[in-house]
Protein backbone atom coordinates (compact mmCIF):
# COMPACT_ATOMS: atom_id res chain seq x y z
CA MET A 1 5.29 53.95 -58.86
CA GLY A 2 7.67 52.22 -57.69
CA TYR A 3 8.80 48.58 -58.06
CA VAL A 4 9.59 45.77 -56.03
CA GLY A 5 8.67 42.17 -55.66
CA LEU A 6 5.19 40.34 -54.40
CA LEU A 7 5.66 39.05 -51.04
CA TYR A 8 3.54 35.48 -50.26
CA VAL A 9 2.94 34.95 -47.03
CA TYR A 10 1.40 32.07 -45.13
CA PRO A 11 -1.44 31.99 -45.08
CA ARG A 12 -1.28 34.99 -46.22
CA PRO A 13 0.48 36.25 -49.56
CA LEU A 14 2.74 39.60 -49.88
CA GLY A 15 4.04 41.45 -52.70
CA SER A 16 6.91 43.42 -53.60
CA PHE A 17 8.86 44.20 -56.48
CA PRO A 18 11.87 42.76 -57.69
CA ALA A 19 13.66 45.69 -59.99
CA ALA A 20 13.53 47.51 -56.74
CA GLY A 21 14.96 45.18 -54.57
CA GLY A 22 12.47 43.50 -53.72
CA ARG A 23 12.58 39.03 -53.98
CA GLY A 24 9.42 38.25 -55.76
CA VAL A 25 6.58 36.30 -54.30
CA ILE A 26 7.43 35.49 -50.30
CA ALA A 27 5.70 33.14 -48.48
CA VAL A 28 5.61 34.16 -44.88
CA SER A 29 3.80 32.06 -41.50
CA VAL A 30 1.31 34.20 -39.40
CA ASP A 31 1.41 33.28 -35.71
CA ALA A 32 -2.31 32.54 -35.15
CA VAL A 33 -1.82 34.34 -31.14
CA THR A 34 0.33 37.14 -31.70
CA GLY A 35 0.19 37.99 -35.72
CA ALA A 36 4.09 37.57 -36.24
CA LEU A 37 5.07 36.79 -39.49
CA THR A 38 7.72 34.64 -40.33
CA GLU A 39 9.56 34.38 -43.61
CA THR A 40 9.77 30.71 -45.12
CA GLY A 41 10.60 31.01 -48.76
CA ALA A 42 10.52 33.28 -51.73
CA SER A 43 10.28 32.51 -55.55
CA ASP A 44 11.69 35.10 -58.55
CA ALA A 45 9.67 33.28 -60.96
CA VAL A 46 7.67 36.45 -61.90
CA ALA A 47 9.18 40.02 -62.62
CA ASP A 48 7.56 42.90 -60.54
CA PRO A 49 4.42 40.96 -59.35
CA SER A 50 2.82 44.04 -58.05
CA TYR A 51 -0.60 42.68 -56.81
CA LEU A 52 -1.99 38.99 -56.01
CA ALA A 53 -5.35 37.30 -55.79
CA PHE A 54 -6.37 33.99 -54.79
CA GLY A 55 -8.83 31.50 -56.87
CA GLU A 56 -9.49 27.74 -56.68
CA ARG A 57 -9.55 25.09 -59.13
CA ASP A 58 -11.29 21.96 -57.47
CA GLY A 59 -11.01 22.75 -53.84
CA VAL A 60 -7.62 23.60 -54.24
CA PRO A 61 -6.25 27.56 -53.58
CA VAL A 62 -4.27 28.51 -56.70
CA LEU A 63 -2.39 32.17 -56.26
CA TYR A 64 -2.25 34.33 -59.21
CA ALA A 65 0.26 37.08 -59.78
CA VAL A 66 0.15 40.34 -62.12
CA SER A 67 3.41 41.11 -63.59
CA GLU A 68 3.58 44.94 -63.54
CA THR A 69 5.79 45.10 -66.62
CA ALA A 70 5.19 47.25 -70.20
CA GLU A 71 4.20 44.21 -71.94
CA GLY A 72 2.17 43.07 -68.78
CA ALA A 73 1.65 39.36 -67.75
CA VAL A 74 0.04 37.17 -65.40
CA ALA A 75 1.01 34.13 -63.66
CA ALA A 76 -0.36 31.17 -61.34
CA PHE A 77 1.45 29.63 -58.21
CA ASP A 78 0.65 26.63 -56.60
CA VAL A 79 1.21 27.18 -52.87
CA ARG A 80 0.46 23.60 -51.12
CA GLY A 81 4.05 24.19 -50.16
CA ALA A 82 6.64 25.83 -48.11
CA VAL A 83 7.41 27.91 -51.47
CA PRO A 84 5.08 29.04 -54.42
CA ARG A 85 5.49 26.86 -57.03
CA PRO A 86 4.92 27.90 -60.73
CA LEU A 87 2.04 26.73 -62.59
CA GLY A 88 3.22 27.23 -66.23
CA GLY A 89 4.93 30.19 -67.18
CA ARG A 90 3.94 34.32 -68.06
CA VAL A 91 1.00 34.97 -69.73
CA PRO A 92 0.41 38.20 -71.60
CA VAL A 93 -2.77 40.17 -70.62
CA CYS A 94 -2.45 42.59 -73.72
CA GLY A 95 -2.18 45.27 -71.95
CA ALA A 96 0.37 47.44 -70.30
CA GLY A 97 1.35 47.76 -67.03
CA PRO A 98 -1.68 45.61 -65.14
CA THR A 99 -1.72 46.66 -61.44
CA HIS A 100 -4.58 45.07 -60.00
CA LEU A 101 -6.75 41.40 -60.66
CA ALA A 102 -9.77 39.59 -59.62
CA VAL A 103 -11.14 35.82 -60.13
CA VAL A 104 -14.40 36.11 -61.25
CA ALA A 105 -16.20 33.32 -62.68
CA GLY A 106 -13.54 31.19 -63.77
CA HIS A 107 -11.92 34.04 -65.75
CA LEU A 108 -8.92 35.96 -64.17
CA LEU A 109 -9.30 39.92 -65.02
CA THR A 110 -6.72 42.23 -64.61
CA ALA A 111 -6.98 46.07 -64.80
CA ASN A 112 -3.70 47.38 -66.97
CA TYR A 113 -2.82 50.65 -65.76
CA GLY A 114 -0.80 51.54 -68.52
CA SER A 115 -3.18 50.72 -71.43
CA GLY A 116 -6.20 51.85 -69.48
CA SER A 117 -7.87 48.65 -70.09
CA VAL A 118 -8.88 45.43 -68.63
CA SER A 119 -8.52 42.23 -69.74
CA VAL A 120 -10.16 38.86 -69.40
CA LEU A 121 -8.02 35.71 -69.55
CA PRO A 122 -9.78 31.90 -69.21
CA ILE A 123 -8.40 29.43 -66.12
CA GLY A 124 -7.73 26.14 -66.98
CA ASP A 125 -8.34 23.02 -65.48
CA ASP A 126 -4.80 23.17 -64.11
CA GLY A 127 -5.60 26.45 -62.45
CA ALA A 128 -3.17 28.34 -64.70
CA PRO A 129 -4.51 31.35 -67.08
CA ALA A 130 -4.77 30.93 -70.86
CA ALA A 131 -4.80 33.25 -73.51
CA ALA A 132 -6.56 36.60 -73.25
CA SER A 133 -9.96 36.19 -74.56
CA GLY A 134 -10.86 39.68 -74.36
CA VAL A 135 -10.07 43.25 -73.63
CA LEU A 136 -12.45 45.98 -72.61
CA GLN A 137 -10.65 49.63 -73.68
CA HIS A 138 -11.77 52.39 -71.32
CA GLU A 139 -11.78 55.75 -72.81
CA GLY A 140 -11.18 59.33 -71.75
CA SER A 141 -9.06 61.64 -69.64
CA GLY A 142 -8.91 63.96 -66.76
CA PRO A 143 -7.38 67.37 -65.65
CA ASP A 144 -4.66 66.30 -64.46
CA PRO A 145 -2.24 66.60 -67.14
CA ASP A 146 0.59 64.67 -65.71
CA ARG A 147 -1.91 61.71 -64.43
CA GLN A 148 -4.73 61.97 -66.40
CA ARG A 149 -4.02 62.41 -70.25
CA GLY A 150 -5.47 58.88 -70.87
CA PRO A 151 -7.68 56.20 -69.24
CA HIS A 152 -5.54 54.26 -66.22
CA ALA A 153 -7.33 51.41 -64.69
CA HIS A 154 -6.42 50.89 -61.34
CA GLN A 155 -8.47 48.27 -60.00
CA ILE A 156 -11.11 45.63 -61.15
CA VAL A 157 -13.37 44.04 -58.60
CA PRO A 158 -16.36 42.19 -58.52
CA ASP A 159 -19.46 43.50 -56.80
CA PRO A 160 -20.84 41.20 -53.52
CA SER A 161 -23.69 39.79 -55.73
CA GLY A 162 -21.41 38.62 -58.15
CA ARG A 163 -23.67 39.87 -61.31
CA TRP A 164 -21.22 42.96 -61.76
CA VAL A 165 -17.61 43.69 -62.42
CA LEU A 166 -16.28 47.43 -61.26
CA GLY A 167 -13.31 48.85 -63.04
CA VAL A 168 -11.62 52.16 -61.35
CA ASP A 169 -9.66 54.36 -63.44
CA LEU A 170 -7.34 57.06 -62.22
CA GLY A 171 -6.90 58.70 -65.47
CA THR A 172 -10.73 59.37 -66.08
CA ASP A 173 -12.12 60.14 -62.45
CA SER A 174 -14.74 57.35 -63.08
CA VAL A 175 -15.69 53.92 -62.20
CA LEU A 176 -16.98 51.40 -65.29
CA VAL A 177 -19.57 48.90 -64.23
CA GLY A 178 -19.43 45.69 -66.45
CA ALA A 179 -20.95 42.02 -66.69
CA LEU A 180 -18.60 39.03 -67.69
CA ASP A 181 -19.90 36.50 -69.93
CA PRO A 182 -18.16 33.64 -69.22
CA ALA A 183 -19.21 31.96 -72.54
CA ALA A 184 -17.52 34.41 -74.69
CA GLY A 185 -14.92 35.07 -72.06
CA GLU A 186 -15.67 39.23 -72.59
CA LEU A 187 -16.45 41.91 -70.52
CA VAL A 188 -19.30 43.77 -71.70
CA ARG A 189 -19.57 47.71 -70.70
CA HIS A 190 -23.03 48.29 -68.79
CA GLY A 191 -22.10 51.90 -67.39
CA GLU A 192 -19.81 54.14 -66.40
CA THR A 193 -19.91 56.46 -62.61
CA ALA A 194 -18.15 59.88 -63.21
CA LEU A 195 -16.62 60.61 -59.63
CA ARG A 196 -15.37 64.95 -59.34
CA PRO A 197 -12.83 65.73 -62.04
CA GLY A 198 -9.12 65.55 -60.71
CA THR A 199 -9.90 63.53 -57.55
CA GLY A 200 -8.18 60.33 -59.35
CA PRO A 201 -9.81 57.51 -58.13
CA ARG A 202 -7.30 54.35 -56.82
CA HIS A 203 -9.51 51.47 -55.43
CA LEU A 204 -13.00 51.07 -53.90
CA ALA A 205 -14.15 48.59 -51.00
CA PHE A 206 -17.70 47.55 -50.17
CA HIS A 207 -19.47 47.52 -47.43
CA PRO A 208 -20.44 44.47 -45.84
CA ALA A 209 -24.37 44.82 -46.63
CA GLY A 210 -23.40 45.22 -50.15
CA SER A 211 -25.51 48.43 -50.26
CA HIS A 212 -22.48 50.84 -50.33
CA ALA A 213 -18.83 51.40 -51.88
CA TYR A 214 -16.48 53.53 -50.81
CA VAL A 215 -13.98 54.83 -53.35
CA LEU A 216 -10.89 55.92 -52.50
CA ASN A 217 -8.96 58.72 -54.59
CA GLU A 218 -5.16 59.16 -55.04
CA LEU A 219 -4.92 62.63 -56.60
CA VAL A 220 -6.58 64.29 -53.75
CA PRO A 221 -6.87 62.90 -50.00
CA THR A 222 -10.42 61.74 -50.01
CA LEU A 223 -13.04 59.30 -50.15
CA THR A 224 -16.06 59.03 -52.16
CA VAL A 225 -19.26 57.38 -50.71
CA CYS A 226 -21.39 55.87 -52.79
CA ARG A 227 -24.48 53.86 -52.86
CA TRP A 228 -24.65 50.48 -55.13
CA ASP A 229 -27.60 48.73 -56.62
CA ALA A 230 -26.75 45.41 -57.31
CA ASP A 231 -30.37 45.05 -59.11
CA THR A 232 -29.60 47.67 -61.78
CA GLY A 233 -26.00 47.74 -61.33
CA VAL A 234 -25.48 51.67 -61.04
CA LEU A 235 -22.91 53.41 -58.67
CA GLU A 236 -24.00 56.55 -57.19
CA PRO A 237 -21.91 59.47 -55.51
CA VAL A 238 -23.76 60.81 -52.44
CA GLY A 239 -20.32 62.40 -50.26
CA GLU A 240 -17.03 62.65 -50.64
CA VAL A 241 -14.82 63.48 -47.28
CA PRO A 242 -11.11 63.94 -46.40
CA VAL A 243 -9.09 60.85 -45.26
CA LEU A 244 -6.51 63.50 -43.62
CA PRO A 245 -6.59 66.31 -40.92
CA GLU A 246 -6.94 70.04 -42.50
CA ASP A 247 -3.29 70.60 -41.02
CA ALA A 248 -1.31 67.67 -42.70
CA GLU A 249 1.69 68.73 -44.42
CA GLY A 250 3.20 68.13 -47.89
CA PRO A 251 1.33 65.89 -50.90
CA SER A 252 -0.21 62.25 -50.12
CA TYR A 253 -1.08 59.81 -52.07
CA PRO A 254 -3.82 57.33 -50.66
CA SER A 255 -3.28 53.87 -51.76
CA GLU A 256 -6.22 51.29 -50.06
CA VAL A 257 -9.30 51.27 -48.43
CA VAL A 258 -10.47 48.41 -46.03
CA VAL A 259 -14.14 48.15 -44.30
CA ALA A 260 -14.06 46.45 -41.10
CA PRO A 261 -16.21 43.25 -41.22
CA THR A 262 -18.60 45.04 -38.73
CA GLY A 263 -19.25 47.58 -41.25
CA ASP A 264 -19.02 50.63 -38.76
CA ARG A 265 -15.38 51.88 -40.10
CA LEU A 266 -12.87 51.66 -42.32
CA TRP A 267 -9.48 52.29 -42.69
CA VAL A 268 -7.25 54.05 -45.22
CA ALA A 269 -3.47 53.83 -46.05
CA ASN A 270 -1.59 57.51 -46.77
CA ARG A 271 1.32 57.37 -48.99
CA GLY A 272 3.55 60.54 -48.10
CA HIS A 273 1.83 60.98 -44.86
CA ASP A 274 2.95 57.20 -44.24
CA SER A 275 -0.18 57.03 -42.13
CA ILE A 276 -3.20 54.88 -41.50
CA SER A 277 -6.53 56.81 -41.36
CA VAL A 278 -9.51 55.53 -38.99
CA ILE A 279 -12.81 56.40 -40.37
CA ALA A 280 -16.30 56.13 -38.54
CA LEU A 281 -19.39 54.98 -40.59
CA GLY A 282 -22.41 55.93 -39.51
CA PRO A 283 -25.72 53.36 -39.33
CA ASP A 284 -26.85 55.12 -42.90
CA ARG A 285 -23.78 53.68 -44.15
CA GLU A 286 -23.20 57.09 -45.78
CA ARG A 287 -22.03 59.22 -43.16
CA ALA A 288 -18.05 58.88 -42.98
CA GLU A 289 -15.75 60.98 -40.56
CA LEU A 290 -12.32 60.98 -40.00
CA VAL A 291 -11.45 59.83 -36.42
CA THR A 292 -7.51 59.72 -36.46
CA THR A 293 -4.62 58.99 -37.81
CA VAL A 294 -1.51 56.64 -36.89
CA PRO A 295 1.76 56.15 -38.24
CA CYS A 296 1.50 53.48 -40.78
CA GLY A 297 5.17 52.33 -38.92
CA GLY A 298 7.47 52.93 -42.38
CA HIS A 299 7.50 54.53 -45.40
CA TRP A 300 5.02 54.66 -48.42
CA PRO A 301 2.56 52.25 -47.71
CA ARG A 302 1.34 51.11 -50.74
CA ASP A 303 -1.34 48.44 -49.76
CA LEU A 304 -3.07 47.46 -46.17
CA VAL A 305 -5.08 44.47 -45.35
CA ILE A 306 -7.21 43.21 -42.47
CA ASP A 307 -6.53 39.74 -41.38
CA PRO A 308 -9.49 37.17 -41.68
CA ALA A 309 -10.47 37.39 -38.19
CA GLY A 310 -10.81 41.37 -37.84
CA ARG A 311 -8.48 41.85 -35.28
CA ARG A 312 -4.97 43.38 -37.04
CA LEU A 313 -4.33 45.43 -39.72
CA TYR A 314 -0.98 44.71 -42.30
CA ALA A 315 0.45 47.32 -44.06
CA ALA A 316 2.97 47.10 -46.91
CA ASN A 317 5.38 49.79 -46.62
CA GLU A 318 7.24 49.96 -50.13
CA ARG A 319 10.07 52.53 -49.07
CA SER A 320 11.06 51.25 -46.10
CA GLY A 321 10.96 47.59 -47.11
CA ASP A 322 8.76 46.22 -44.00
CA ILE A 323 5.45 44.80 -43.56
CA THR A 324 3.87 46.21 -40.57
CA TRP A 325 1.13 44.73 -38.35
CA PHE A 326 -1.25 46.38 -35.80
CA ASP A 327 -3.23 45.30 -33.56
CA LEU A 328 -6.90 46.69 -33.28
CA ASP A 329 -8.57 48.21 -30.39
CA PRO A 330 -11.98 46.57 -30.49
CA GLU A 331 -13.87 49.61 -29.38
CA THR A 332 -12.08 52.19 -31.37
CA GLY A 333 -10.79 50.40 -34.32
CA GLU A 334 -7.16 52.63 -33.16
CA PRO A 335 -4.30 50.58 -34.88
CA ARG A 336 -1.68 49.58 -32.72
CA ARG A 337 1.81 48.70 -33.90
CA ALA A 338 2.96 45.00 -32.60
CA GLY A 339 5.70 44.08 -35.03
CA SER A 340 7.15 43.91 -38.66
CA LEU A 341 9.10 42.28 -41.08
CA PRO A 342 11.93 43.23 -43.60
CA ALA A 343 10.26 43.21 -46.78
CA PRO A 344 12.20 45.22 -49.41
CA ALA A 345 9.97 46.81 -51.86
CA ALA A 346 6.58 45.83 -50.34
CA SER A 347 3.51 46.02 -52.69
CA CYS A 348 0.93 43.64 -51.78
CA VAL A 349 -0.41 41.71 -48.60
CA VAL A 350 -2.94 39.08 -49.74
CA PHE A 351 -4.23 36.04 -46.74
CA ALA A 352 -4.47 32.55 -48.18
CA PRO A 353 -7.75 30.64 -47.45
CA ALA A 354 -7.45 28.53 -44.48
CA ARG A 355 -7.43 25.58 -46.21
CA VAL A 356 -3.82 25.96 -47.62
């Protein structure tokens, strides 16, 4: 995987890897009418901040970043100015190569790709993370000798009910379901869902109704459709569909899946094919069909996000070093390129809460 820095954009943060030429966490303003981006400043206080997430302390938004390094760390930022300001220093996660994080019940959870684990860090009154209070180690492997010799936790995300936390593991071809024990500061294993061997699941996104989840696979360009039961904490695969046309040439490694607020479609970013796929979802939320693909506006789209109004997509094109935005056709959902902002080694795009 490449290394840039994180780009932070007002009112959205974006990410990029400094080790690959990025400038860290970059603040950018967003034009409410056109969606255009304008950089306002940057902070290089954290090495390789490849993923960002927002939390809130006492009504004040706080930005969190992983430091995707061998030792693994997280950091917090105050975003009430033109440039993100670090809150304290880097805090080790007791895991290697964290690639994703989420704020859950007053704790910061990280998915550690290198060590195949999930770490839990309590968040202090000032919004900064404290030392790790728990580490849940994933176990297993997959058939790919290069990418699946052991577990590689790639994403950690709470379910819509707030009762469960799901960890997507590329190395074990599975999704682990756990429950956070806030008092103990630990993630308790509840169950695990096996997916097709060799698919290499990377990220998942829930349907707005909360009844289904869509798991994007990295090692094969497919999407696994799953039912989700929040009462029992059970994820059940019900189908797998391609995210690229049959005649697509060359290897492709899907990176991110975004579900429309209306729940009738989703979009997928594809590295290698350098495209964004439009996939229609049926009324049953289980029928998924590839409609079309459009160029991503650059090379190697590592991240994809929809704006809060549901009118635009923003792609972080890591290897071409830009953030490209697209207007969405209200009828078809097809993205139409509208502009781009230079962002060397861009890796993540996150919208800040409206109150920032």
